[in-house]
Amino acid sequence: MLRNNLIVAWRNLTRQRLHTAINLAGLGLGMAFCLAGVVV
């Protein structure tokens, strides 16, 4: 079941590249700001 979910997720990531890029950029920015807030 986990393998099936990973295959479906990979297909969606490769089909919707722009959407994936936007989500990853937002996730990265959010993590960066959280880490910056913790450090400072």
N, C-alpha and C. Protein backbone atom coordinates (compact mmCIF):
# COMPACT_ATOMS: atom_id res chain seq x y z
N MET A 1 0.82 -1.19 0.00
CA MET A 1 0.00 0.00 0.00
C MET A 1 0.87 1.26 0.00
N LEU A 2 1.93 1.25 0.79
CA LEU A 2 2.83 2.39 0.82
C LEU A 2 3.49 2.59 -0.55
N ARG A 3 3.87 1.48 -1.17
CA ARG A 3 4.49 1.56 -2.50
C ARG A 3 3.50 2.17 -3.51
N ASN A 4 2.26 1.77 -3.44
CA ASN A 4 1.24 2.30 -4.33
C ASN A 4 1.06 3.81 -4.12
N ASN A 5 1.03 4.24 -2.86
CA ASN A 5 0.89 5.67 -2.57
C ASN A 5 2.08 6.45 -3.10
N LEU A 6 3.29 5.91 -2.96
CA LEU A 6 4.47 6.59 -3.48
C LEU A 6 4.44 6.70 -5.00
N ILE A 7 3.96 5.67 -5.67
CA ILE A 7 3.86 5.70 -7.13
C ILE A 7 2.87 6.76 -7.57
N VAL A 8 1.73 6.83 -6.92
CA VAL A 8 0.71 7.84 -7.25
C VAL A 8 1.25 9.24 -6.99
N ALA A 9 1.93 9.41 -5.87
CA ALA A 9 2.50 10.72 -5.54
C ALA A 9 3.54 11.12 -6.58
N TRP A 10 4.39 10.18 -6.99
CA TRP A 10 5.42 10.49 -7.99
C TRP A 10 4.78 10.88 -9.32
N ARG A 11 3.73 10.19 -9.71
CA ARG A 11 3.04 10.54 -10.96
C ARG A 11 2.47 11.95 -10.90
N ASN A 12 1.86 12.29 -9.78
CA ASN A 12 1.29 13.63 -9.63
C ASN A 12 2.38 14.69 -9.64
N LEU A 13 3.52 14.41 -9.01
CA LEU A 13 4.62 15.37 -9.00
C LEU A 13 5.17 15.60 -10.40
N THR A 14 5.28 14.55 -11.19
CA THR A 14 5.83 14.70 -12.53
C THR A 14 4.83 15.32 -13.49
N ARG A 15 3.57 15.12 -13.27
CA ARG A 15 2.56 15.70 -14.17
C ARG A 15 2.32 17.18 -13.90
N GLN A 16 2.39 17.58 -12.66
CA GLN A 16 2.09 18.96 -12.28
C GLN A 16 3.35 19.62 -11.74
N ARG A 17 4.30 19.87 -12.63
CA ARG A 17 5.60 20.37 -12.21
C ARG A 17 5.53 21.78 -11.63
N LEU A 18 4.74 22.66 -12.24
CA LEU A 18 4.65 24.03 -11.74
C LEU A 18 4.04 24.05 -10.34
N HIS A 19 2.99 23.31 -10.16
CA HIS A 19 2.34 23.23 -8.85
C HIS A 19 3.29 22.68 -7.80
N THR A 20 4.05 21.66 -8.17
CA THR A 20 5.03 21.08 -7.26
C THR A 20 6.11 22.09 -6.90
N ALA A 21 6.59 22.83 -7.88
CA ALA A 21 7.63 23.83 -7.63
C ALA A 21 7.13 24.92 -6.69
N ILE A 22 5.91 25.37 -6.89
CA ILE A 22 5.34 26.40 -6.02
C ILE A 22 5.20 25.87 -4.59
N ASN A 23 4.73 24.65 -4.46
CA ASN A 23 4.57 24.07 -3.12
C ASN A 23 5.91 23.89 -2.43
N LEU A 24 6.92 23.42 -3.16
CA LEU A 24 8.23 23.22 -2.55
C LEU A 24 8.88 24.55 -2.18
N ALA A 25 8.69 25.57 -3.01
CA ALA A 25 9.24 26.88 -2.68
C ALA A 25 8.57 27.44 -1.42
N GLY A 26 7.27 27.30 -1.32
CA GLY A 26 6.56 27.76 -0.13
C GLY A 26 6.97 27.00 1.11
N LEU A 27 7.14 25.70 0.97
CA LEU A 27 7.58 24.89 2.10
C LEU A 27 8.98 25.30 2.55
N GLY A 28 9.86 25.51 1.59
CA GLY A 28 11.23 25.93 1.92
C GLY A 28 11.27 27.28 2.59
N LEU A 29 10.50 28.23 2.08
CA LEU A 29 10.45 29.56 2.70
C LEU A 29 9.89 29.50 4.11
N GLY A 30 8.84 28.72 4.28
CA GLY A 30 8.24 28.58 5.61
C GLY A 30 9.22 27.98 6.61
N MET A 31 9.94 26.95 6.19
CA MET A 31 10.91 26.33 7.08
C MET A 31 12.06 27.28 7.39
N ALA A 32 12.48 28.05 6.38
CA ALA A 32 13.58 29.00 6.59
C ALA A 32 13.19 30.07 7.60
N PHE A 33 11.98 30.60 7.47
CA PHE A 33 11.53 31.63 8.41
C PHE A 33 11.34 31.07 9.81
N CYS A 34 10.86 29.85 9.90
CA CYS A 34 10.71 29.25 11.23
C CYS A 34 12.06 29.04 11.88
N LEU A 35 13.03 28.54 11.13
CA LEU A 35 14.36 28.35 11.69
C LEU A 35 15.01 29.68 12.04
N ALA A 36 14.79 30.70 11.21
CA ALA A 36 15.35 32.00 11.50
C ALA A 36 14.72 32.57 12.78
N GLY A 37 13.44 32.34 12.98
CA GLY A 37 12.78 32.81 14.19
C GLY A 37 13.27 32.10 15.42
N VAL A 38 13.60 30.82 15.30
CA VAL A 38 14.09 30.06 16.45
C VAL A 38 15.51 30.49 16.79
N VAL A 39 16.33 30.72 15.79
CA VAL A 39 17.73 31.05 16.01
C VAL A 39 17.88 32.46 16.56
N VAL A 40 17.09 33.39 16.05
CA VAL A 40 17.21 34.79 16.45
C VAL A 40 16.45 35.06 17.70
